[in-house]
N, C-alpha and C. Protein backbone atom coordinates (compact mmCIF):
# COMPACT_ATOMS: atom_id res chain seq x y z
N MET A 1 14.97 -14.09 -20.14
CA MET A 1 14.02 -12.52 -19.93
C MET A 1 13.60 -12.11 -21.17
N SER A 2 12.59 -11.61 -20.74
CA SER A 2 12.08 -10.87 -22.22
C SER A 2 10.85 -9.78 -22.49
N ASP A 3 11.03 -8.46 -23.19
CA ASP A 3 10.44 -7.34 -23.32
C ASP A 3 8.97 -8.05 -23.52
N ILE A 4 8.28 -7.37 -22.88
CA ILE A 4 6.39 -7.50 -22.96
C ILE A 4 5.95 -7.14 -24.08
N GLY A 5 5.25 -7.67 -24.97
CA GLY A 5 4.81 -6.63 -26.26
C GLY A 5 3.66 -7.04 -26.85
N GLY A 6 2.99 -8.06 -25.78
CA GLY A 6 1.61 -8.43 -25.65
C GLY A 6 1.35 -9.84 -24.71
N PRO A 7 0.45 -10.09 -24.71
CA PRO A 7 -0.30 -11.14 -23.30
C PRO A 7 0.74 -12.27 -23.79
N ILE A 8 0.92 -13.00 -22.71
CA ILE A 8 1.39 -14.52 -22.56
C ILE A 8 1.02 -15.14 -21.75
N ASP A 9 1.21 -16.35 -22.24
CA ASP A 9 0.50 -17.75 -21.20
C ASP A 9 1.23 -18.82 -21.61
N ASP A 10 2.21 -19.50 -21.06
CA ASP A 10 3.04 -20.57 -21.14
C ASP A 10 2.63 -21.68 -20.47
N GLY A 11 1.15 -21.81 -20.23
CA GLY A 11 0.67 -22.29 -19.05
C GLY A 11 0.90 -22.12 -17.74
N GLY A 12 1.38 -20.94 -17.57
CA GLY A 12 1.64 -20.45 -16.14
C GLY A 12 0.74 -19.29 -16.06
N ILE A 13 1.02 -18.26 -14.96
CA ILE A 13 0.11 -17.22 -14.58
C ILE A 13 0.00 -16.44 -16.34
N ALA A 14 -1.09 -16.13 -16.62
CA ALA A 14 -1.35 -15.47 -18.26
C ALA A 14 -0.62 -13.96 -17.85
N ALA A 15 0.23 -13.24 -18.15
CA ALA A 15 0.50 -12.34 -18.14
C ALA A 15 -0.02 -11.14 -19.29
N LYS A 16 0.22 -10.27 -18.92
CA LYS A 16 -0.37 -8.95 -19.53
C LYS A 16 0.87 -8.03 -19.46
N ALA A 17 0.68 -7.18 -20.90
CA ALA A 17 1.67 -6.72 -21.20
C ALA A 17 2.25 -5.73 -19.65
N ASP A 18 0.37 -4.49 -19.31
CA ASP A 18 1.16 -4.13 -18.01
C ASP A 18 0.93 -4.99 -16.87
N PRO A 19 1.61 -4.45 -15.83
CA PRO A 19 1.54 -5.85 -14.74
C PRO A 19 0.46 -4.85 -14.08
N LEU A 20 -0.01 -3.36 -14.18
CA LEU A 20 -1.22 -3.36 -13.39
C LEU A 20 -2.52 -3.46 -13.72
N ALA A 21 -2.95 -4.35 -14.91
CA ALA A 21 -3.76 -4.72 -15.44
C ALA A 21 -3.55 -6.32 -14.75
N LEU A 22 -2.84 -6.57 -14.95
CA LEU A 22 -3.21 -7.94 -14.18
C LEU A 22 -3.03 -8.03 -12.32
N PHE A 23 -2.19 -6.79 -11.99
CA PHE A 23 -2.83 -6.41 -10.31
C PHE A 23 -4.22 -6.66 -10.21
N GLU A 24 -4.57 -5.44 -11.46
CA GLU A 24 -6.19 -5.01 -10.96
C GLU A 24 -6.98 -6.17 -11.27
N ALA A 25 -6.79 -7.52 -11.99
CA ALA A 25 -7.76 -8.53 -12.43
C ALA A 25 -7.76 -9.14 -10.97
N TRP A 26 -6.08 -9.55 -10.38
CA TRP A 26 -6.49 -10.24 -9.21
C TRP A 26 -6.89 -9.50 -8.48
N LEU A 27 -6.84 -8.46 -8.17
CA LEU A 27 -8.08 -7.50 -6.89
C LEU A 27 -9.27 -7.89 -7.03
N GLU A 28 -9.50 -7.56 -8.23
CA GLU A 28 -11.27 -8.17 -8.66
C GLU A 28 -11.33 -9.50 -8.57
N ASP A 29 -10.85 -10.33 -8.68
CA ASP A 29 -10.97 -11.88 -8.18
C ASP A 29 -10.87 -12.05 -6.51
N ALA A 30 -9.97 -11.21 -5.73
CA ALA A 30 -10.29 -11.33 -4.39
C ALA A 30 -10.91 -10.43 -3.39
N LYS A 31 -11.63 -9.59 -4.42
CA LYS A 31 -12.76 -9.06 -4.01
C LYS A 31 -14.24 -9.72 -3.68
N LYS A 32 -13.79 -10.59 -4.47
CA LYS A 32 -15.23 -11.49 -4.57
C LYS A 32 -15.35 -12.64 -3.32
N THR A 33 -13.76 -13.01 -2.86
CA THR A 33 -13.71 -14.27 -2.30
C THR A 33 -13.69 -13.89 -0.86
N GLU A 34 -12.43 -12.78 -0.66
CA GLU A 34 -11.54 -12.29 0.69
C GLU A 34 -13.45 -11.96 1.69
N PRO A 35 -13.09 -12.32 3.01
CA PRO A 35 -13.89 -12.09 3.86
C PRO A 35 -14.06 -10.53 4.27
N ASN A 36 -12.39 -10.36 4.64
CA ASN A 36 -12.58 -8.65 5.05
C ASN A 36 -11.95 -7.71 3.49
N GLU A 37 -11.31 -6.99 4.01
CA GLU A 37 -10.43 -6.02 3.01
C GLU A 37 -9.26 -6.78 2.29
N ALA A 38 -9.94 -7.03 1.17
CA ALA A 38 -8.87 -7.51 -0.22
C ALA A 38 -8.18 -6.11 -0.06
N ASN A 39 -8.14 -5.13 -0.40
CA ASN A 39 -7.13 -4.12 -0.44
C ASN A 39 -6.11 -3.90 0.32
N ALA A 40 -6.15 -5.07 1.89
CA ALA A 40 -5.25 -5.05 2.78
C ALA A 40 -3.93 -5.29 2.10
N MET A 41 -3.02 -4.97 2.60
CA MET A 41 -1.37 -4.81 2.12
C MET A 41 -0.53 -4.94 3.19
N THR A 42 1.07 -5.57 3.41
CA THR A 42 1.72 -5.71 4.61
C THR A 42 2.93 -4.05 3.53
N ILE A 43 2.82 -3.14 4.43
CA ILE A 43 3.90 -2.61 3.65
C ILE A 43 5.31 -3.08 4.45
N ALA A 44 6.68 -2.67 3.91
CA ALA A 44 8.14 -2.90 4.56
C ALA A 44 8.63 -1.55 4.53
N THR A 45 9.35 -1.06 5.19
CA THR A 45 10.04 0.11 5.39
C THR A 45 11.84 -0.28 5.68
N ALA A 46 13.02 0.55 6.35
CA ALA A 46 13.28 -0.02 7.02
C ALA A 46 13.95 2.27 7.46
N ASP A 47 14.62 1.86 8.12
CA ASP A 47 15.17 2.94 9.18
C ASP A 47 16.58 3.08 8.58
N GLY A 48 17.28 4.26 9.28
CA GLY A 48 18.32 5.01 8.69
C GLY A 48 19.29 4.18 8.78
N SER A 49 18.84 2.81 10.26
CA SER A 49 19.74 2.06 10.40
C SER A 49 19.95 1.00 9.38
N GLY A 50 18.73 0.35 8.48
CA GLY A 50 18.73 -0.54 7.88
C GLY A 50 17.44 -1.56 8.60
N ASN A 51 17.10 -1.35 10.16
CA ASN A 51 16.44 -2.31 10.39
C ASN A 51 14.94 -2.38 9.51
N PRO A 52 14.41 -3.37 9.56
CA PRO A 52 12.99 -3.55 8.49
C PRO A 52 12.27 -3.32 9.79
N ASN A 53 11.00 -2.85 9.07
CA ASN A 53 9.32 -2.53 9.99
C ASN A 53 8.62 -3.15 8.73
N LEU A 54 7.55 -4.19 9.49
CA LEU A 54 6.37 -4.13 8.67
C LEU A 54 4.67 -3.93 9.80
N ARG A 55 3.98 -3.73 8.60
CA ARG A 55 2.42 -2.98 9.29
C ARG A 55 1.63 -3.57 8.10
N MET A 56 0.35 -3.47 8.22
CA MET A 56 -0.60 -3.77 7.57
C MET A 56 -1.49 -2.41 7.07
N VAL A 57 -1.93 -1.59 5.71
CA VAL A 57 -1.94 -0.86 6.02
C VAL A 57 -3.50 -1.11 4.35
N LEU A 58 -4.11 0.34 4.55
CA LEU A 58 -5.39 -0.18 3.35
C LEU A 58 -4.55 0.63 1.68
N LEU A 59 -5.10 -0.51 0.84
CA LEU A 59 -4.64 0.44 -0.50
C LEU A 59 -5.86 0.98 -0.91
N LYS A 60 -5.31 2.41 -1.06
CA LYS A 60 -6.69 3.42 -1.58
C LYS A 60 -6.65 3.75 -3.26
N GLU A 61 -5.32 3.49 -3.75
CA GLU A 61 -5.65 3.78 -5.41
C GLU A 61 -4.50 3.42 -6.02
N ALA A 62 -5.11 2.56 -6.99
CA ALA A 62 -3.94 1.61 -7.59
C ALA A 62 -4.07 2.58 -9.09
N THR A 63 -3.14 3.11 -9.38
CA THR A 63 -3.30 3.78 -10.79
C THR A 63 -1.62 3.67 -11.41
N PRO A 64 -1.73 4.17 -13.14
CA PRO A 64 -0.30 4.05 -13.39
C PRO A 64 0.44 4.70 -12.48
N LYS A 65 0.46 5.77 -11.81
CA LYS A 65 0.98 6.70 -11.21
C LYS A 65 1.53 5.88 -9.85
N GLY A 66 0.94 4.94 -9.52
CA GLY A 66 1.38 4.28 -8.30
C GLY A 66 0.63 4.01 -7.25
N PHE A 67 0.72 3.35 -6.55
CA PHE A 67 0.07 2.87 -5.53
C PHE A 67 -0.07 3.88 -3.92
N VAL A 68 -0.87 4.29 -3.65
CA VAL A 68 -0.99 4.91 -2.56
C VAL A 68 -1.88 4.65 -1.11
N PHE A 69 -0.96 4.98 0.21
CA PHE A 69 -1.77 4.34 1.15
C PHE A 69 -1.52 5.62 1.98
N TYR A 70 -2.51 6.21 2.96
CA TYR A 70 -2.48 7.44 3.98
C TYR A 70 -2.18 6.88 5.11
N THR A 71 -1.43 7.56 5.97
CA THR A 71 -1.21 7.81 7.46
C THR A 71 -0.46 9.06 7.89
N ASN A 72 -0.07 8.80 9.17
CA ASN A 72 0.31 10.09 10.23
C ASN A 72 1.66 9.77 9.51
N THR A 73 2.39 11.33 8.98
CA THR A 73 3.72 11.45 8.70
C THR A 73 4.45 11.16 9.35
N GLU A 74 3.97 11.91 10.55
CA GLU A 74 5.32 11.68 12.13
C GLU A 74 5.27 10.15 12.72
N SER A 75 4.49 9.60 11.77
CA SER A 75 4.29 7.95 13.07
C SER A 75 5.61 7.07 12.48
N ALA A 76 6.00 6.41 13.33
CA ALA A 76 7.04 5.37 12.58
C ALA A 76 7.08 4.99 11.22
N LYS A 77 6.40 4.48 10.70
CA LYS A 77 6.87 4.83 9.20
C LYS A 77 6.78 5.62 8.49
N GLY A 78 6.43 6.51 8.82
CA GLY A 78 6.51 7.91 8.28
C GLY A 78 7.88 8.76 8.76
N ARG A 79 8.65 8.22 9.26
CA ARG A 79 9.65 8.69 10.06
C ARG A 79 11.21 7.55 8.86
N GLU A 80 10.58 6.33 9.02
CA GLU A 80 11.03 6.04 8.04
C GLU A 80 11.52 5.60 6.83
N LEU A 81 10.00 6.13 6.30
CA LEU A 81 10.22 6.98 4.76
C LEU A 81 11.13 7.95 4.74
N VAL A 82 11.34 8.38 5.80
CA VAL A 82 12.12 9.97 5.50
C VAL A 82 13.66 9.76 5.42
N ALA A 83 14.07 8.45 6.15
CA ALA A 83 15.41 8.04 5.99
C ALA A 83 15.83 7.28 4.93
N ASN A 84 14.97 6.21 4.38
CA ASN A 84 14.75 5.49 3.36
C ASN A 84 13.43 5.42 3.22
N PRO A 85 13.04 6.11 1.61
CA PRO A 85 12.28 6.69 0.87
C PRO A 85 11.73 5.54 -0.37
N ARG A 86 11.76 4.05 0.46
CA ARG A 86 12.03 3.23 -0.69
C ARG A 86 10.84 2.43 0.08
N ILE A 87 9.94 1.18 -0.82
CA ILE A 87 8.78 0.49 0.26
C ILE A 87 8.81 -0.67 -0.48
N ALA A 88 8.61 -1.85 0.13
CA ALA A 88 8.36 -3.30 -0.37
C ALA A 88 6.85 -3.63 -0.23
N ILE A 89 5.67 -4.09 -0.92
CA ILE A 89 4.43 -4.05 -0.47
C ILE A 89 4.21 -5.70 -0.70
N LEU A 90 3.69 -6.54 0.33
CA LEU A 90 2.84 -7.71 -0.07
C LEU A 90 1.27 -7.60 0.19
N PHE A 91 0.30 -8.23 -0.78
CA PHE A 91 -0.98 -8.56 -0.70
C PHE A 91 -0.91 -10.24 -0.97
N HIS A 92 -1.59 -10.46 -0.32
CA HIS A 92 -2.02 -12.08 0.19
C HIS A 92 -3.38 -12.83 0.44
N TRP A 93 -3.87 -13.44 -0.87
CA TRP A 93 -5.28 -13.48 -0.41
C TRP A 93 -4.97 -14.88 -0.73
N LYS A 94 -5.30 -15.50 0.78
CA LYS A 94 -5.40 -16.83 1.37
C LYS A 94 -6.09 -17.70 0.46
N THR A 95 -7.48 -16.87 -0.09
CA THR A 95 -8.57 -17.80 -0.39
C THR A 95 -8.19 -18.26 -1.39
N GLN A 96 -7.69 -17.12 -2.17
CA GLN A 96 -7.28 -17.19 -3.71
C GLN A 96 -6.10 -18.05 -4.37
N ARG A 97 -4.96 -18.15 -3.01
CA ARG A 97 -4.01 -18.96 -2.85
C ARG A 97 -3.06 -18.07 -4.16
N ARG A 98 -2.92 -16.83 -3.94
CA ARG A 98 -1.82 -15.51 -4.57
C ARG A 98 -1.43 -15.02 -3.79
N GLN A 99 -0.05 -14.58 -4.01
CA GLN A 99 0.41 -13.06 -3.89
C GLN A 99 0.93 -12.34 -4.22
N ILE A 100 0.98 -11.08 -4.07
CA ILE A 100 1.89 -10.35 -5.14
C ILE A 100 2.67 -9.22 -4.44
N ARG A 101 3.84 -9.49 -4.92
CA ARG A 101 4.97 -8.47 -3.97
C ARG A 101 5.53 -7.36 -4.89
N ILE A 102 5.67 -6.07 -4.40
CA ILE A 102 6.27 -4.86 -5.32
C ILE A 102 7.10 -4.21 -5.13
N ARG A 103 7.97 -3.35 -5.29
CA ARG A 103 8.94 -2.74 -4.38
C ARG A 103 8.90 -1.70 -5.41
N GLY A 104 9.20 -0.35 -4.80
CA GLY A 104 9.82 0.94 -5.81
C GLY A 104 9.89 2.05 -4.77
N PRO A 105 10.14 3.28 -5.48
CA PRO A 105 10.58 4.45 -4.58
C PRO A 105 9.06 5.22 -3.78
N VAL A 106 9.10 5.60 -2.83
CA VAL A 106 7.82 6.51 -2.60
C VAL A 106 8.17 7.98 -2.35
N THR A 107 7.29 8.88 -2.95
CA THR A 107 6.71 10.27 -2.71
C THR A 107 5.62 10.33 -1.86
N ARG A 108 5.86 11.79 -1.23
CA ARG A 108 4.18 12.03 -1.05
C ARG A 108 3.23 12.64 -1.96
N VAL A 109 1.79 12.35 -1.74
CA VAL A 109 1.02 12.91 -2.59
C VAL A 109 0.74 14.75 -2.17
N ASN A 110 0.07 15.41 -2.97
CA ASN A 110 0.11 16.46 -2.93
C ASN A 110 -1.19 16.76 -2.14
N ASP A 111 -1.15 17.96 -1.80
CA ASP A 111 -2.07 18.33 -0.28
C ASP A 111 -3.95 17.97 -0.66
N ALA A 112 -3.63 18.53 -2.52
CA ALA A 112 -4.79 18.45 -2.59
C ALA A 112 -5.14 17.14 -2.52
N GLU A 113 -4.78 16.37 -3.12
CA GLU A 113 -4.57 14.96 -3.18
C GLU A 113 -5.09 14.24 -1.71
N ALA A 114 -4.60 14.45 -0.62
CA ALA A 114 -4.38 14.78 0.60
C ALA A 114 -6.18 14.96 1.36
N ASP A 115 -6.16 16.47 1.19
CA ASP A 115 -7.39 16.87 1.33
C ASP A 115 -8.43 16.33 1.26
N ALA A 116 -8.61 15.77 -0.47
CA ALA A 116 -9.27 15.04 -1.28
C ALA A 116 -9.93 13.67 -0.95
N TYR A 117 -9.33 13.16 -0.18
CA TYR A 117 -9.04 11.91 0.46
C TYR A 117 -9.43 11.71 1.56
N PHE A 118 -9.17 12.48 2.89
CA PHE A 118 -8.87 13.13 4.03
C PHE A 118 -11.00 13.32 4.16
N ALA A 119 -11.14 13.81 3.20
CA ALA A 119 -12.83 14.77 3.33
C ALA A 119 -13.98 13.49 3.51
N THR A 120 -13.39 12.21 2.40
CA THR A 120 -14.07 10.92 2.34
C THR A 120 -14.27 10.26 3.69
N ARG A 121 -13.47 10.42 4.21
CA ARG A 121 -13.44 9.85 6.08
C ARG A 121 -14.72 9.97 6.64
N ALA A 122 -14.93 8.84 7.36
CA ALA A 122 -15.57 9.14 8.36
C ALA A 122 -15.34 10.45 9.38
N LYS A 123 -16.27 11.07 10.18
CA LYS A 123 -15.79 11.97 10.75
C LYS A 123 -15.60 11.62 11.99
N ASP A 124 -15.72 10.28 12.88
CA ASP A 124 -14.51 9.57 13.60
C ASP A 124 -13.39 9.59 13.33
N SER A 125 -13.28 8.89 12.33
CA SER A 125 -11.59 8.69 11.57
C SER A 125 -10.80 9.63 11.61
N GLN A 126 -11.88 10.71 11.06
CA GLN A 126 -10.89 12.16 10.64
C GLN A 126 -10.47 13.00 12.48
N ILE A 127 -11.15 12.71 13.52
CA ILE A 127 -11.01 13.00 14.84
C ILE A 127 -9.62 12.06 15.48
N GLY A 128 -10.00 10.88 14.83
CA GLY A 128 -8.90 10.16 15.22
C GLY A 128 -7.42 10.46 14.78
N ALA A 129 -7.74 10.77 13.96
CA ALA A 129 -6.40 11.33 13.20
C ALA A 129 -5.67 12.34 13.86
N TRP A 130 -6.28 13.30 14.56
CA TRP A 130 -6.28 14.26 15.30
C TRP A 130 -5.75 14.20 16.81
N ALA A 131 -6.47 13.11 17.53
CA ALA A 131 -6.11 12.85 18.62
C ALA A 131 -4.91 12.04 18.72
N SER A 132 -4.67 11.25 17.48
CA SER A 132 -3.83 9.61 17.78
C SER A 132 -2.31 10.94 17.36
N GLN A 133 -1.31 10.71 18.42
CA GLN A 133 0.21 10.91 18.28
C GLN A 133 0.97 9.36 17.79
N GLN A 134 0.59 9.19 16.80
CA GLN A 134 0.49 7.92 16.39
C GLN A 134 2.30 7.34 16.13
N SER A 135 2.19 5.90 16.83
CA SER A 135 3.46 5.48 16.90
C SER A 135 4.30 6.19 18.63
N ARG A 136 3.75 6.94 19.35
CA ARG A 136 4.88 7.69 20.12
C ARG A 136 4.06 7.23 21.21
N PRO A 137 4.97 7.31 22.60
CA PRO A 137 4.16 6.45 23.67
C PRO A 137 3.08 6.89 24.27
N MET A 138 2.19 6.46 24.71
CA MET A 138 0.75 6.84 25.65
C MET A 138 0.85 6.66 26.92
N GLU A 139 0.65 7.49 27.55
CA GLU A 139 0.48 6.90 29.19
C GLU A 139 -0.68 6.13 29.55
N GLY A 140 -1.64 6.20 29.11
CA GLY A 140 -2.51 5.57 29.38
C GLY A 140 -3.56 5.34 28.06
N ARG A 141 -4.54 4.91 28.21
CA ARG A 141 -5.95 4.82 26.97
C ARG A 141 -6.52 6.09 27.82
N TRP A 142 -6.56 6.47 28.84
CA TRP A 142 -7.76 7.59 29.25
C TRP A 142 -6.70 9.00 28.66
N ALA A 143 -5.60 8.97 28.11
CA ALA A 143 -5.26 10.26 27.53
C ALA A 143 -5.59 10.16 26.28
N PHE A 144 -5.47 9.21 25.78
CA PHE A 144 -6.14 9.23 24.27
C PHE A 144 -7.12 9.16 24.19
N GLU A 145 -8.60 8.63 24.57
CA GLU A 145 -10.03 9.30 24.62
C GLU A 145 -10.05 10.79 25.30
N LYS A 146 -8.81 11.01 25.88
CA LYS A 146 -9.31 12.62 26.36
C LYS A 146 -9.07 13.31 25.61
N GLU A 147 -7.86 12.96 24.55
CA GLU A 147 -7.88 14.02 22.97
C GLU A 147 -8.78 13.22 22.13
N ILE A 148 -9.53 12.30 22.09
CA ILE A 148 -10.70 12.14 21.14
C ILE A 148 -11.80 13.18 21.42
N ALA A 149 -12.33 13.37 23.12
CA ALA A 149 -13.43 14.29 23.40
C ALA A 149 -13.18 15.50 22.95
N LYS A 150 -11.61 16.11 23.04
CA LYS A 150 -11.18 17.13 22.83
C LYS A 150 -11.38 17.81 21.42
N TYR A 151 -11.18 16.98 20.61
CA TYR A 151 -11.53 17.17 19.24
C TYR A 151 -12.84 16.92 18.72
N ALA A 152 -13.06 15.96 19.25
CA ALA A 152 -15.02 15.88 18.94
C ALA A 152 -16.00 17.28 19.39
N ALA A 153 -15.44 17.96 20.39
CA ALA A 153 -15.88 18.98 20.70
C ALA A 153 -15.89 20.17 19.64
N GLN A 154 -14.68 20.50 19.63
CA GLN A 154 -13.86 21.17 18.70
C GLN A 154 -14.68 21.22 17.25
N TYR A 155 -14.64 20.08 16.56
CA TYR A 155 -15.60 19.86 15.37
C TYR A 155 -17.20 19.46 15.26
N ALA A 156 -17.33 20.32 16.40
CA ALA A 156 -18.51 19.04 16.85
C ALA A 156 -19.59 19.06 15.35
N LEU A 157 -20.12 20.74 15.55
CA LEU A 157 -20.41 21.48 14.60
C LEU A 157 -19.61 22.41 13.22
N LYS A 158 -18.37 21.67 12.75
CA LYS A 158 -18.17 22.30 11.58
C LYS A 158 -17.40 20.88 11.06
N LYS A 159 -16.99 21.53 9.71
CA LYS A 159 -15.79 20.34 9.20
C LYS A 159 -14.88 20.14 9.91
N VAL A 160 -14.15 19.43 9.54
CA VAL A 160 -12.98 18.87 10.36
C VAL A 160 -11.86 18.75 9.22
N PRO A 161 -10.78 19.77 9.66
CA PRO A 161 -9.49 20.02 8.19
C PRO A 161 -8.90 18.80 8.40
N ARG A 162 -7.95 18.54 7.84
CA ARG A 162 -6.70 17.43 7.73
C ARG A 162 -6.07 17.93 8.33
N PRO A 163 -5.39 17.16 9.11
CA PRO A 163 -4.59 18.09 10.14
C PRO A 163 -2.76 17.75 9.45
N PRO A 164 -2.24 18.93 9.46
CA PRO A 164 -0.66 19.13 8.66
C PRO A 164 0.07 18.10 8.51
N TYR A 165 0.45 16.76 9.58
CA TYR A 165 0.56 15.63 10.05
C TYR A 165 0.52 14.56 9.01
N TRP A 166 -0.92 14.35 8.32
CA TRP A 166 -1.47 13.49 8.13
C TRP A 166 -1.35 13.42 6.73
N SER A 167 -1.27 12.35 5.93
CA SER A 167 -0.77 12.52 4.28
C SER A 167 -0.55 10.98 3.96
N GLY A 168 -0.58 11.55 2.20
CA GLY A 168 -0.55 10.07 1.76
C GLY A 168 0.59 9.48 1.08
N TYR A 169 1.29 8.85 1.16
CA TYR A 169 2.33 8.13 0.26
C TYR A 169 2.05 7.41 -1.07
N ARG A 170 2.71 7.72 -2.36
CA ARG A 170 2.72 7.22 -3.17
C ARG A 170 3.88 6.44 -4.09
N VAL A 171 3.61 4.86 -4.10
CA VAL A 171 4.77 3.84 -4.10
C VAL A 171 4.81 3.64 -5.76
N THR A 172 5.58 3.97 -6.68
CA THR A 172 6.20 3.97 -7.56
C THR A 172 6.84 2.44 -7.92
N PRO A 173 6.04 1.22 -8.82
CA PRO A 173 6.40 0.33 -8.73
C PRO A 173 7.61 0.27 -9.57
N LEU A 174 8.99 -0.60 -9.54
CA LEU A 174 9.54 -0.77 -10.18
C LEU A 174 9.97 -2.42 -10.33
N GLU A 175 8.99 -3.20 -9.55
CA GLU A 175 9.48 -4.48 -9.46
C GLU A 175 8.39 -5.51 -8.89
N TYR A 176 7.51 -5.98 -9.81
CA TYR A 176 6.05 -6.70 -9.43
C TYR A 176 6.52 -8.43 -8.98
N GLU A 177 5.89 -8.74 -8.40
CA GLU A 177 5.92 -10.49 -8.57
C GLU A 177 4.98 -11.23 -8.66
N PHE A 178 4.49 -11.87 -9.38
CA PHE A 178 2.85 -12.17 -9.25
C PHE A 178 3.80 -13.82 -8.58
N TRP A 179 2.89 -14.25 -7.82
CA TRP A 179 2.79 -15.76 -6.88
C TRP A 179 1.38 -16.42 -6.96
N ARG A 180 1.34 -17.76 -7.97
CA ARG A 180 0.20 -18.34 -7.23
C ARG A 180 0.49 -19.67 -7.02
N ASP A 181 -0.14 -20.24 -5.99
CA ASP A 181 -0.02 -21.50 -5.70
C ASP A 181 -0.40 -22.33 -6.26
N ARG A 182 0.52 -23.44 -6.36
CA ARG A 182 0.26 -24.84 -7.79
C ARG A 182 0.88 -25.97 -6.64
N PRO A 183 -0.13 -27.28 -7.19
CA PRO A 183 0.03 -28.87 -6.38
C PRO A 183 1.84 -29.36 -6.44
N PHE A 184 1.87 -29.92 -5.54
CA PHE A 184 3.25 -30.50 -5.13
C PHE A 184 3.96 -29.46 -5.07
N ARG A 185 4.12 -28.13 -4.52
CA ARG A 185 5.18 -26.86 -4.41
C ARG A 185 5.50 -26.62 -5.95
N LEU A 186 4.75 -26.87 -7.05
CA LEU A 186 5.08 -26.15 -8.40
C LEU A 186 4.75 -24.98 -8.71
N HIS A 187 4.98 -24.11 -8.05
CA HIS A 187 3.96 -22.57 -7.95
C HIS A 187 4.44 -21.45 -8.91
N ASP A 188 3.81 -20.93 -9.85
CA ASP A 188 3.79 -20.13 -10.52
C ASP A 188 4.81 -19.11 -10.12
N ARG A 189 5.63 -18.33 -10.71
CA ARG A 189 6.10 -16.84 -10.44
C ARG A 189 5.99 -16.59 -11.82
N LEU A 190 6.37 -15.10 -11.57
CA LEU A 190 5.86 -14.28 -13.31
C LEU A 190 6.49 -12.67 -12.32
N VAL A 191 7.74 -12.30 -12.70
CA VAL A 191 8.36 -11.28 -12.60
C VAL A 191 8.35 -9.97 -13.69
N TYR A 192 8.10 -9.01 -12.91
CA TYR A 192 8.20 -7.57 -13.92
C TYR A 192 9.14 -7.24 -13.82
N ARG A 193 10.05 -6.22 -14.61
CA ARG A 193 11.07 -5.22 -13.82
C ARG A 193 11.16 -4.54 -14.79
N ARG A 194 11.80 -2.94 -14.52
CA ARG A 194 12.23 -1.75 -15.20
C ARG A 194 12.69 -1.11 -14.31
N ASP A 195 13.93 -0.38 -15.21
CA ASP A 195 14.85 0.30 -14.28
C ASP A 195 14.45 2.12 -14.13
N SER A 196 13.39 2.44 -14.75
CA SER A 196 12.62 3.72 -14.13
C SER A 196 11.52 3.52 -14.30
N ASP A 197 10.35 4.36 -13.86
CA ASP A 197 8.94 4.45 -13.96
C ASP A 197 8.83 4.86 -15.57
N ALA A 198 9.87 5.45 -16.35
CA ALA A 198 9.34 5.67 -17.65
C ALA A 198 9.58 4.65 -18.89
N ALA A 199 10.61 4.02 -18.15
CA ALA A 199 11.31 2.56 -18.69
C ALA A 199 10.13 1.23 -19.35
N PRO A 200 10.20 0.78 -20.15
CA PRO A 200 9.53 -0.20 -20.52
C PRO A 200 10.11 -1.89 -19.60
N TRP A 201 8.36 -2.47 -19.30
CA TRP A 201 8.61 -3.60 -18.66
C TRP A 201 9.45 -4.84 -19.20
N ARG A 202 10.16 -5.64 -18.09
CA ARG A 202 10.70 -7.13 -18.75
C ARG A 202 10.49 -7.67 -17.59
N THR A 203 10.24 -9.20 -18.69
CA THR A 203 9.41 -9.93 -17.68
C THR A 203 10.23 -10.94 -17.91
N GLU A 204 10.34 -11.86 -16.53
CA GLU A 204 10.95 -13.42 -16.25
C GLU A 204 10.10 -14.62 -15.15
N ARG A 205 10.26 -15.55 -15.60
CA ARG A 205 9.66 -16.50 -14.92
C ARG A 205 10.69 -17.06 -13.68
N LEU A 206 10.45 -17.30 -12.57
CA LEU A 206 11.22 -17.72 -11.75
C LEU A 206 11.03 -19.15 -11.11
N PHE A 207 11.82 -19.74 -11.03
CA PHE A 207 11.56 -20.93 -9.96
C PHE A 207 10.99 -21.39 -9.10
N PRO A 208 10.41 -22.08 -8.40
CA PRO A 208 9.22 -21.93 -7.12
C PRO A 208 10.41 -22.20 -6.17
């Protein structure tokens, strides 16, 4: 294990001092080849009993402060993050033959951040956020369509405010693992770890 002090390239993945810089480089590569959203990521949460859950969401921000996605806070994932405010993320770019795993604690973004992002969404998506009681039982499709019609009429001629139960979550990475496919299953695995968001990064290579 070594403390990162500068770029490393020992014939495997070319590491950078900051794993976010390496993530950004890989994401830019993926944007050139992925047929759909290169920013799609799988997030794993666990409920209070430790039962895990997975779903796909879209990354909306990646900065030194963390990785941000938005959702209904009363959804299954929102409830699970109250019970266990830690998360695992997976980016898999099949065309690039690469993946990145990230783990860390989760916090809610502030209201100003959530308001600013919500304002950028298409109006139909904003109305959908009001109409959907995400993850809860639905009597029938007609019930959802009825709610959409109700809120579409309510906000037909005015700005749609952000629902109080719709916000963002920021994941503060404490661990990254960069994985690259190599022939004969001789894959590259480069891990960055730190003890807190103020601690320096440590790196190590793992057997594939």
